[in-house]
Amino acid sequence: MGKLFGTDGIRGMANRYPITPDVALLVGKAIARVLGTDTRVQRKVVIGKDTRISGYMLETALTSGLVSHGMDVLLVGPLPTPAVAHLTKSMGCAAGIMLTASHNPPQDNGLKIFGSDGFKLSDDLEAEIERCIAEGVPQEDAPPCEGIGKAFRVEDGKGRYIEYVKGIIGNQNLEGMKVVVDAAHGAAYHLGPLILEEMGAEVIATGNAPNGLNINQDCGALHPQTAEALVKMHGADVGVTFDGDADRVIFVDATGNQVNGDRLLCLAAIGLHEEDQLAGNTVVVTTMTNLGLIEALKQRGISVEVTGVGDRQVIECMRRHGYQFGGENSGHVIFGAHSTTGDGILTALKILSWMKSKNKTLAELADCMREYPQRLISITVSEKRPLDEIAGLNELIAQCETTFGDQGRNVIRYSGTENKIRILLECSDGDLVEDYAARFESLIKEQLCA
């Protein structure tokens, strides 16, 4: 059995290894063995999912593995990833599992696993689960009939999360605001529009008719063009677009222009700073963050910590140093005082509440930084050859660094969840960005796409 865990849980094409019922059954047994021995929490596991048709298959297999080894399972149905993380902790469970492939296409799926504290598992715990699966869970370790667990359909999971997330902003009234919500036919298809309506906003909902096969398809945070058109058509104040599991969000302002994750981080950091709610006066970002964000925050006396790519690395840095705010330019925004992971709905509520309380448009709030010209290239590759073994790449990187100097950078990395290589180029001179973008793209396609 090959390596299961990647940079964000287990992920792949549904009904192909490792996203199969057989593996899910083993994962359930291993979780019971590794995480079910903590006497401080109950032997319960929350299972949530997005709207992919393969979620039924995985949910059933996981449940079988867990109950066969004495764990009770709480099935909450389609819910955003941050809701599953919250319920895991608030309901005193040993673990939580979210069945999702996030922004990936409908044919993929995956498992994000949370510990009893609502945080994603550490590398050590993931390795222990993987080792347990590889070695096999002895059948003699399974309990007798009277020790088998039960599975329950939990009907109030949505309500618990709704009241929790609304309470974070004091149930502020959003009356008078017109909001387009694109839920990507994903996990927030019901909750996203509902929460904003309950708070008084007029909602134009789209991407809210999942059929199991349309998640992320020409909609949501990956394709905000639908929201852009609807904002202009309806004269809305703002557009809010989620990804498949609603742990990230991208906005559209009233003119139909996209407001990216860096601008969200910048305006939110400033808002928290003004409210004296920015712990350590520090924001945690990744190497993919635009240099203009770092520049803008430092000009306001706000410190910046930079981590590797991935919301988990951001969260680990926040926990290690006691910081409470950070995120990625992809739209993962982590309000650590309230959530253990990125939360698109919470982020939307925070941004909308600042718009209302400051009586400013999103465009006005987002006009808080100067973006350096940037290109992000994503290329599907036939193999993930070590970067040092790609002929000519090190030389091109060195040449690029010399040309850009301290006015730019390049970041070359493989995706942790897809068979792709990502190239980030950024410089104060946009022409240089385009020049080197063409060079890197040509070299990579020649070497890795044959």
Protein backbone atom coordinates (compact mmCIF):
# COMPACT_ATOMS: atom_id res chain seq x y z
CA MET A 1 0.00 0.00 0.00
CA GLY A 2 1.48 3.35 -1.07
CA LYS A 3 1.61 6.54 0.97
CA LEU A 4 -1.86 7.77 1.85
CA PHE A 5 -1.58 11.22 3.40
CA GLY A 6 -0.61 14.24 1.33
CA THR A 7 -0.42 17.89 2.29
CA ASP A 8 -4.13 18.04 3.18
CA GLY A 9 -5.33 14.62 4.24
CA ILE A 10 -5.96 11.80 1.77
CA ARG A 11 -7.07 12.77 -1.73
CA GLY A 12 -7.42 11.29 -5.19
CA MET A 13 -9.85 10.09 -7.84
CA ALA A 14 -12.95 8.47 -6.38
CA ASN A 15 -13.22 4.69 -6.70
CA ARG A 16 -9.50 4.50 -7.50
CA TYR A 17 -6.79 3.91 -4.93
CA PRO A 18 -6.64 5.37 -2.33
CA ILE A 19 -10.18 6.78 -2.47
CA THR A 20 -11.91 3.41 -2.35
CA PRO A 21 -14.36 1.77 0.10
CA ASP A 22 -11.66 -0.76 1.03
CA VAL A 23 -9.22 1.95 2.10
CA ALA A 24 -11.96 3.97 3.82
CA LEU A 25 -12.89 0.89 5.86
CA LEU A 26 -9.27 0.49 6.96
CA VAL A 27 -8.98 4.20 7.76
CA GLY A 28 -12.04 3.92 9.99
CA LYS A 29 -10.53 1.00 11.89
CA ALA A 30 -7.18 2.78 12.22
CA ILE A 31 -8.77 5.98 13.51
CA ALA A 32 -10.63 3.97 16.15
CA ARG A 33 -7.36 2.36 17.21
CA VAL A 34 -5.21 5.51 17.19
CA LEU A 35 -7.63 8.23 18.29
CA GLY A 36 -10.24 6.22 20.17
CA THR A 37 -8.12 5.62 23.26
CA ASP A 38 -8.20 9.20 24.58
CA THR A 39 -10.15 8.95 27.84
CA ARG A 40 -10.69 12.74 27.92
CA VAL A 41 -13.21 12.52 25.07
CA GLN A 42 -16.04 10.22 24.13
CA ARG A 43 -15.62 7.39 21.64
CA LYS A 44 -17.49 9.33 18.98
CA VAL A 45 -16.56 10.53 15.48
CA VAL A 46 -18.30 13.20 13.43
CA ILE A 47 -18.49 12.52 9.69
CA GLY A 48 -19.43 15.35 7.33
CA LYS A 49 -19.14 15.61 3.57
CA ASP A 50 -19.46 17.90 0.59
CA THR A 51 -21.89 17.13 -2.24
CA ARG A 52 -19.87 14.68 -4.37
CA ILE A 53 -21.76 11.52 -5.27
CA SER A 54 -18.81 9.43 -4.04
CA GLY A 55 -19.39 10.76 -0.53
CA TYR A 56 -22.14 8.17 0.02
CA MET A 57 -19.72 5.35 -0.76
CA LEU A 58 -16.96 6.64 1.51
CA GLU A 59 -19.31 7.61 4.34
CA THR A 60 -20.74 4.09 4.51
CA ALA A 61 -17.34 2.37 4.44
CA LEU A 62 -15.83 4.70 7.05
CA THR A 63 -18.81 4.20 9.32
CA SER A 64 -18.45 0.42 9.08
CA GLY A 65 -14.78 0.56 10.00
CA LEU A 66 -15.39 2.86 12.96
CA VAL A 67 -18.39 1.08 14.49
CA SER A 68 -16.74 -2.32 14.03
CA HIS A 69 -14.10 -1.13 16.48
CA GLY A 70 -16.42 0.37 19.05
CA MET A 71 -16.77 3.98 17.89
CA ASP A 72 -20.12 5.74 17.66
CA VAL A 73 -20.54 7.76 14.47
CA LEU A 74 -22.42 11.04 14.15
CA LEU A 75 -23.46 11.62 10.53
CA VAL A 76 -24.11 15.31 9.85
CA GLY A 77 -24.46 15.19 6.06
CA PRO A 78 -23.29 17.98 3.75
CA LEU A 79 -21.60 20.67 5.84
CA PRO A 80 -18.62 22.99 5.34
CA THR A 81 -15.25 21.73 6.55
CA PRO A 82 -15.02 24.36 9.33
CA ALA A 83 -18.45 23.26 10.61
CA VAL A 84 -17.20 19.67 10.96
CA ALA A 85 -14.09 20.91 12.79
CA HIS A 86 -16.26 22.98 15.14
CA LEU A 87 -18.71 20.15 15.85
CA THR A 88 -15.87 17.73 16.55
CA LYS A 89 -14.69 19.89 19.42
CA SER A 90 -18.03 21.20 20.68
CA MET A 91 -19.60 17.72 20.80
CA GLY A 92 -16.64 16.20 22.67
CA CYS A 93 -15.69 13.76 19.92
CA ALA A 94 -12.44 11.85 19.55
CA ALA A 95 -12.18 12.83 15.89
CA GLY A 96 -13.93 14.45 12.96
CA ILE A 97 -13.74 13.43 9.30
CA MET A 98 -14.68 15.62 6.35
CA LEU A 99 -15.19 13.84 3.05
CA THR A 100 -14.11 16.35 0.43
CA ALA A 101 -11.60 17.11 -2.28
CA SER A 102 -12.09 20.84 -1.68
CA HIS A 103 -11.46 22.72 -4.95
CA ASN A 104 -10.73 19.58 -7.00
CA PRO A 105 -13.10 18.44 -9.79
CA PRO A 106 -16.19 16.28 -9.07
CA GLN A 107 -14.49 12.97 -9.88
CA ASP A 108 -12.06 13.42 -6.96
CA ASN A 109 -12.69 13.02 -3.25
CA GLY A 110 -10.72 12.84 -0.05
CA LEU A 111 -10.62 12.69 3.73
CA LYS A 112 -9.65 15.54 6.02
CA ILE A 113 -9.26 14.28 9.58
CA PHE A 114 -9.50 16.43 12.71
CA GLY A 115 -8.44 15.61 16.24
CA SER A 116 -10.57 16.16 19.33
CA ASP A 117 -9.35 19.78 19.49
CA GLY A 118 -10.79 20.54 16.05
CA PHE A 119 -7.38 20.95 14.41
CA LYS A 120 -6.10 18.85 11.53
CA LEU A 121 -3.93 15.96 12.66
CA SER A 122 -0.22 16.36 13.18
CA ASP A 123 2.24 14.65 10.85
CA ASP A 124 3.03 12.17 13.64
CA LEU A 125 -0.60 11.13 14.09
CA GLU A 126 -1.11 10.81 10.35
CA ALA A 127 1.98 8.62 10.18
CA GLU A 128 0.66 6.48 13.05
CA ILE A 129 -2.68 5.99 11.28
CA GLU A 130 -0.91 5.13 8.06
CA ARG A 131 1.37 2.67 9.85
CA CYS A 132 -1.66 1.07 11.52
CA ILE A 133 -3.32 0.62 8.12
CA ALA A 134 -0.16 -0.85 6.58
CA GLU A 135 0.31 -3.34 9.42
CA GLY A 136 -3.39 -4.16 9.61
CA VAL A 137 -5.74 -3.98 12.58
CA PRO A 138 -5.94 -7.55 14.00
CA GLN A 139 -9.48 -8.90 13.96
CA GLU A 140 -8.98 -10.15 17.50
CA ASP A 141 -8.75 -6.48 18.55
CA ALA A 142 -12.32 -5.92 17.40
CA PRO A 143 -14.83 -5.89 20.27
CA PRO A 144 -17.51 -8.57 20.77
CA CYS A 145 -21.04 -7.89 19.56
CA GLU A 146 -22.05 -5.87 22.60
CA GLY A 147 -19.07 -3.54 22.06
CA ILE A 148 -19.86 -2.58 18.46
CA GLY A 149 -20.61 1.10 18.00
CA LYS A 150 -23.71 2.77 16.59
CA ALA A 151 -24.32 5.33 13.85
CA PHE A 152 -26.66 8.26 14.33
CA ARG A 153 -27.98 10.81 11.88
CA VAL A 154 -27.49 14.18 13.63
CA GLU A 155 -30.17 16.64 12.55
CA ASP A 156 -29.08 19.67 14.58
CA GLY A 157 -25.48 19.87 13.31
CA LYS A 158 -26.38 22.64 10.86
CA GLY A 159 -28.22 24.61 13.54
CA ARG A 160 -25.32 24.36 15.98
CA TYR A 161 -22.90 25.78 13.42
CA ILE A 162 -25.31 28.50 12.25
CA GLU A 163 -25.78 29.89 15.74
CA TYR A 164 -22.08 29.62 16.52
CA VAL A 165 -20.87 31.48 13.44
CA LYS A 166 -23.57 34.16 13.68
CA GLY A 167 -22.70 34.74 17.32
CA ILE A 168 -19.08 35.51 16.45
CA ILE A 169 -20.09 38.84 14.93
CA GLY A 170 -22.76 39.46 17.55
CA ASN A 171 -25.64 38.58 15.24
CA GLN A 172 -25.08 41.92 13.53
CA ASN A 173 -27.90 42.94 11.24
CA LEU A 174 -26.97 43.06 7.55
CA GLU A 175 -30.27 44.60 6.48
CA GLY A 176 -29.94 46.82 3.43
CA MET A 177 -27.13 44.78 1.89
CA LYS A 178 -27.66 42.90 -1.37
CA VAL A 179 -25.32 39.90 -1.68
CA VAL A 180 -24.70 37.39 -4.47
CA VAL A 181 -23.72 34.02 -2.98
CA ASP A 182 -22.13 31.37 -5.21
CA ALA A 183 -21.83 28.14 -3.22
CA ALA A 184 -20.09 26.14 -6.01
CA HIS A 185 -22.81 23.44 -5.74
CA GLY A 186 -20.79 22.38 -2.72
CA ALA A 187 -20.93 22.01 1.04
CA ALA A 188 -22.29 25.54 1.65
CA TYR A 189 -25.07 25.29 -0.94
CA HIS A 190 -27.74 25.55 1.78
CA LEU A 191 -26.01 27.22 4.73
CA GLY A 192 -24.26 30.02 2.86
CA PRO A 193 -27.38 31.74 1.53
CA LEU A 194 -29.46 30.82 4.61
CA ILE A 195 -27.12 32.42 7.16
CA LEU A 196 -26.92 35.69 5.26
CA GLU A 197 -30.69 35.77 4.80
CA GLU A 198 -31.21 35.17 8.52
CA MET A 199 -28.96 38.15 9.21
CA GLY A 200 -31.10 40.42 7.08
CA ALA A 201 -29.24 40.53 3.77
CA GLU A 202 -31.04 40.24 0.45
CA VAL A 203 -29.44 37.18 -1.17
CA ILE A 204 -29.16 36.21 -4.83
CA ALA A 205 -28.09 32.56 -4.65
CA THR A 206 -26.35 30.58 -7.36
CA GLY A 207 -24.31 27.37 -7.36
CA ASN A 208 -26.89 26.03 -4.90
CA ALA A 209 -28.29 23.05 -6.82
CA PRO A 210 -25.82 20.17 -6.34
CA ASN A 211 -26.42 16.92 -8.24
CA GLY A 212 -23.35 15.04 -7.06
CA LEU A 213 -21.40 15.75 -10.24
CA ASN A 214 -21.36 19.54 -10.62
CA ILE A 215 -19.33 20.71 -7.63
CA ASN A 216 -16.83 23.47 -8.62
CA GLN A 217 -17.94 23.25 -12.26
CA ASP A 218 -17.79 26.76 -13.77
CA CYS A 219 -18.83 28.29 -10.47
CA GLY A 220 -17.67 29.22 -6.98
CA ALA A 221 -14.30 30.53 -5.89
CA LEU A 222 -12.55 28.82 -8.80
CA HIS A 223 -14.78 30.54 -11.35
CA PRO A 224 -16.05 33.84 -9.90
CA GLN A 225 -17.17 35.04 -13.35
CA THR A 226 -20.73 33.88 -12.63
CA ALA A 227 -20.87 35.98 -9.47
CA GLU A 228 -19.27 38.93 -11.28
CA ALA A 229 -22.05 38.92 -13.87
CA LEU A 230 -24.82 38.55 -11.26
CA VAL A 231 -23.45 41.37 -9.11
CA LYS A 232 -23.63 43.74 -12.06
CA MET A 233 -27.00 42.42 -13.24
CA HIS A 234 -28.69 42.84 -9.84
CA GLY A 235 -26.79 45.91 -8.64
CA ALA A 236 -25.54 43.96 -5.62
CA ASP A 237 -23.19 45.37 -3.00
CA VAL A 238 -20.91 42.34 -3.08
CA GLY A 239 -20.46 38.82 -4.38
CA VAL A 240 -19.31 35.95 -2.15
CA THR A 241 -17.95 32.77 -3.77
CA PHE A 242 -17.04 29.60 -1.88
CA ASP A 243 -15.04 26.57 -2.93
CA GLY A 244 -16.35 23.00 -2.70
CA ASP A 245 -15.99 22.57 1.06
CA ALA A 246 -16.37 26.29 1.92
CA ASP A 247 -13.13 26.61 3.83
CA ARG A 248 -12.13 29.46 1.52
CA VAL A 249 -13.80 32.40 -0.15
CA ILE A 250 -13.19 34.91 -2.92
CA PHE A 251 -15.15 38.18 -3.15
CA VAL A 252 -16.46 40.33 -5.99
CA ASP A 253 -16.99 44.06 -5.37
CA ALA A 254 -20.00 46.11 -6.50
CA THR A 255 -18.38 46.91 -9.86
CA GLY A 256 -17.94 43.20 -10.63
CA ASN A 257 -14.20 43.16 -9.97
CA GLN A 258 -12.66 40.21 -8.14
CA VAL A 259 -11.11 40.89 -4.73
CA ASN A 260 -8.43 38.28 -4.19
CA GLY A 261 -7.29 36.56 -1.02
CA ASP A 262 -4.34 38.90 -0.42
CA ARG A 263 -6.60 41.95 -0.34
CA LEU A 264 -8.99 40.09 1.99
CA LEU A 265 -6.11 39.33 4.35
CA CYS A 266 -4.92 42.92 4.20
CA LEU A 267 -8.26 44.56 4.92
CA ALA A 268 -9.10 42.00 7.64
CA ALA A 269 -5.72 42.49 9.34
CA ILE A 270 -6.30 46.23 9.35
CA GLY A 271 -9.81 45.74 10.76
CA LEU A 272 -8.56 43.49 13.56
CA HIS A 273 -5.67 45.89 14.25
CA GLU A 274 -8.06 48.83 14.59
CA GLU A 275 -10.20 46.80 17.02
CA ASP A 276 -7.12 45.78 19.02
CA GLN A 277 -7.92 42.15 18.21
CA LEU A 278 -4.72 41.25 16.32
CA ALA A 279 -2.80 38.98 18.69
CA GLY A 280 0.93 39.69 18.69
CA ASN A 281 0.21 42.44 16.16
CA THR A 282 1.17 39.81 13.58
CA VAL A 283 -0.32 38.22 10.48
CA VAL A 284 0.83 34.81 9.19
CA VAL A 285 0.97 34.36 5.40
CA THR A 286 2.65 32.00 2.94
CA THR A 287 5.36 32.31 0.33
CA MET A 288 2.62 32.68 -2.31
CA THR A 289 1.45 35.97 -0.78
CA ASN A 290 1.93 39.10 -2.89
CA LEU A 291 4.84 41.22 -1.71
CA GLY A 292 2.53 44.23 -1.81
CA LEU A 293 0.54 42.80 1.13
CA ILE A 294 3.64 42.47 3.28
CA GLU A 295 4.70 45.99 2.32
CA ALA A 296 1.25 47.46 3.14
CA LEU A 297 1.03 45.78 6.54
CA LYS A 298 4.52 46.77 7.60
CA GLN A 299 3.75 50.38 6.69
CA ARG A 300 0.93 50.20 9.25
CA GLY A 301 3.18 48.73 11.93
CA ILE A 302 1.83 45.20 11.55
CA SER A 303 4.38 42.37 11.60
CA VAL A 304 4.27 39.50 9.09
CA GLU A 305 5.38 35.87 9.47
CA VAL A 306 5.88 33.89 6.26
CA THR A 307 5.44 30.09 6.11
CA GLY A 308 5.47 27.45 3.42
CA VAL A 309 2.37 26.86 1.27
CA GLY A 310 -0.73 25.34 2.84
CA ASP A 311 -3.24 26.48 5.43
CA ARG A 312 -1.95 23.81 7.81
CA GLN A 313 1.48 25.42 7.87
CA VAL A 314 -0.13 28.79 8.54
CA ILE A 315 -2.15 27.34 11.43
CA GLU A 316 0.88 25.53 12.89
CA CYS A 317 2.82 28.81 12.91
CA MET A 318 -0.11 30.62 14.54
CA ARG A 319 -0.41 27.99 17.28
CA ARG A 320 3.33 27.85 17.87
CA HIS A 321 3.64 31.59 18.46
CA GLY A 322 0.22 32.47 19.83
CA TYR A 323 -0.91 34.44 16.76
CA GLN A 324 -4.59 34.41 15.84
CA PHE A 325 -4.87 35.60 12.25
CA GLY A 326 -3.45 34.42 8.95
CA GLY A 327 -4.20 32.81 5.64
CA GLU A 328 -3.41 32.26 1.99
CA ASN A 329 -3.97 34.26 -1.16
CA SER A 330 -6.20 31.42 -2.40
CA GLY A 331 -8.90 32.64 0.00
CA HIS A 332 -8.14 30.55 3.09
CA VAL A 333 -8.58 33.04 5.94
CA ILE A 334 -8.11 31.82 9.51
CA PHE A 335 -9.60 33.76 12.40
CA GLY A 336 -7.81 31.75 15.05
CA ALA A 337 -9.73 33.24 17.97
CA HIS A 338 -12.86 31.54 16.63
CA SER A 339 -11.95 28.76 14.21
CA THR A 340 -9.39 25.97 13.92
CA THR A 341 -9.31 26.10 10.13
CA GLY A 342 -10.13 28.39 7.21
CA ASP A 343 -13.81 29.32 7.22
CA GLY A 344 -15.37 30.92 4.13
CA ILE A 345 -18.71 31.71 5.79
CA LEU A 346 -17.09 33.28 8.85
CA THR A 347 -14.81 35.33 6.61
CA ALA A 348 -17.79 36.53 4.61
CA LEU A 349 -19.63 37.59 7.77
CA LYS A 350 -16.58 39.46 9.09
CA ILE A 351 -16.03 41.34 5.83
CA LEU A 352 -19.72 42.21 5.46
CA SER A 353 -19.91 43.40 9.05
CA TRP A 354 -16.92 45.71 8.50
CA MET A 355 -18.55 47.07 5.35
CA LYS A 356 -21.70 47.82 7.35
CA SER A 357 -20.05 49.25 10.48
CA LYS A 358 -17.55 51.39 8.56
CA ASN A 359 -20.15 52.38 5.93
CA LYS A 360 -17.65 51.58 3.18
CA THR A 361 -17.85 49.58 -0.02
CA LEU A 362 -15.73 46.48 -0.45
CA ALA A 363 -13.69 48.29 -3.10
CA GLU A 364 -12.89 51.05 -0.60
CA LEU A 365 -11.84 48.55 2.10
CA ALA A 366 -9.81 46.50 -0.38
CA ASP A 367 -7.91 49.56 -1.61
CA CYS A 368 -5.35 48.98 1.13
CA MET A 369 -2.34 47.65 -0.77
CA ARG A 370 -0.40 47.94 -4.02
CA GLU A 371 -0.14 44.61 -5.78
CA TYR A 372 3.13 43.69 -7.44
CA PRO A 373 2.58 42.29 -10.97
CA GLN A 374 2.28 38.53 -10.53
CA ARG A 375 1.78 35.41 -12.63
CA LEU A 376 0.79 32.02 -11.26
CA ILE A 377 1.17 29.22 -13.81
CA SER A 378 -0.23 25.74 -13.14
CA ILE A 379 0.91 22.96 -15.48
CA THR A 380 -0.25 19.34 -15.41
CA VAL A 381 2.83 17.10 -15.52
CA SER A 382 3.39 13.45 -16.40
CA GLU A 383 5.73 12.95 -13.42
CA LYS A 384 6.86 14.83 -10.32
CA ARG A 385 10.58 14.63 -10.98
CA PRO A 386 12.76 16.27 -8.28
CA LEU A 387 13.22 19.92 -9.20
CA ASP A 388 17.01 19.61 -9.04
CA GLU A 389 16.84 16.97 -11.77
CA ILE A 390 14.98 19.15 -14.29
CA ALA A 391 17.59 20.18 -16.84
CA GLY A 392 18.11 23.93 -16.99
CA LEU A 393 15.69 24.79 -14.19
CA ASN A 394 18.26 25.78 -11.55
CA GLU A 395 20.04 27.97 -14.07
CA LEU A 396 16.81 29.72 -15.05
CA ILE A 397 15.86 30.25 -11.40
CA ALA A 398 19.27 31.81 -10.67
CA GLN A 399 19.02 34.07 -13.72
CA CYS A 400 15.51 35.15 -12.68
CA GLU A 401 16.65 35.94 -9.13
CA THR A 402 19.51 38.07 -10.43
CA THR A 403 17.24 39.98 -12.81
CA PHE A 404 14.45 40.58 -10.28
CA GLY A 405 16.84 41.44 -7.43
CA ASP A 406 15.07 42.58 -4.25
CA GLN A 407 12.09 43.79 -6.29
CA GLY A 408 10.67 40.34 -6.97
CA ARG A 409 10.84 36.59 -6.51
CA ASN A 410 10.02 33.21 -8.00
CA VAL A 411 8.51 30.17 -6.29
CA ILE A 412 8.50 26.78 -8.06
CA ARG A 413 6.74 23.86 -6.36
CA TYR A 414 4.64 20.80 -7.01
CA SER A 415 1.01 20.76 -5.90
CA GLY A 416 0.49 18.63 -2.83
CA THR A 417 -2.95 17.46 -3.97
CA GLU A 418 -2.78 17.29 -7.78
CA ASN A 419 -0.30 16.13 -10.43
CA LYS A 420 0.70 19.69 -11.23
CA ILE A 421 3.67 22.03 -10.94
CA ARG A 422 3.01 25.61 -9.91
CA ILE A 423 5.20 28.56 -10.91
CA LEU A 424 4.80 31.90 -9.13
CA LEU A 425 6.57 34.94 -10.57
CA GLU A 426 6.36 38.39 -9.05
CA CYS A 427 8.23 41.62 -9.70
CA SER A 428 7.70 45.38 -9.65
CA ASP A 429 8.34 45.27 -13.43
CA GLY A 430 5.41 43.52 -15.11
CA ASP A 431 7.25 43.06 -18.41
CA LEU A 432 9.94 41.02 -16.67
CA VAL A 433 7.24 38.86 -15.07
CA GLU A 434 5.75 38.03 -18.48
CA ASP A 435 9.17 37.39 -20.02
CA TYR A 436 10.19 34.87 -17.37
CA ALA A 437 6.71 33.34 -17.26
CA ALA A 438 7.13 32.35 -20.91
CA ARG A 439 10.61 30.97 -20.26
CA PHE A 440 9.60 28.85 -17.25
CA GLU A 441 6.47 27.54 -18.95
CA SER A 442 8.40 26.51 -22.06
CA LEU A 443 11.11 24.74 -20.04
CA ILE A 444 8.66 22.84 -17.83
CA LYS A 445 6.48 21.69 -20.72
CA GLU A 446 9.53 20.50 -22.62
CA GLN A 447 10.88 18.54 -19.63
CA LEU A 448 7.79 17.21 -17.84
CA CYS A 449 4.91 17.12 -20.32
CA ALA A 450 6.31 14.87 -23.02
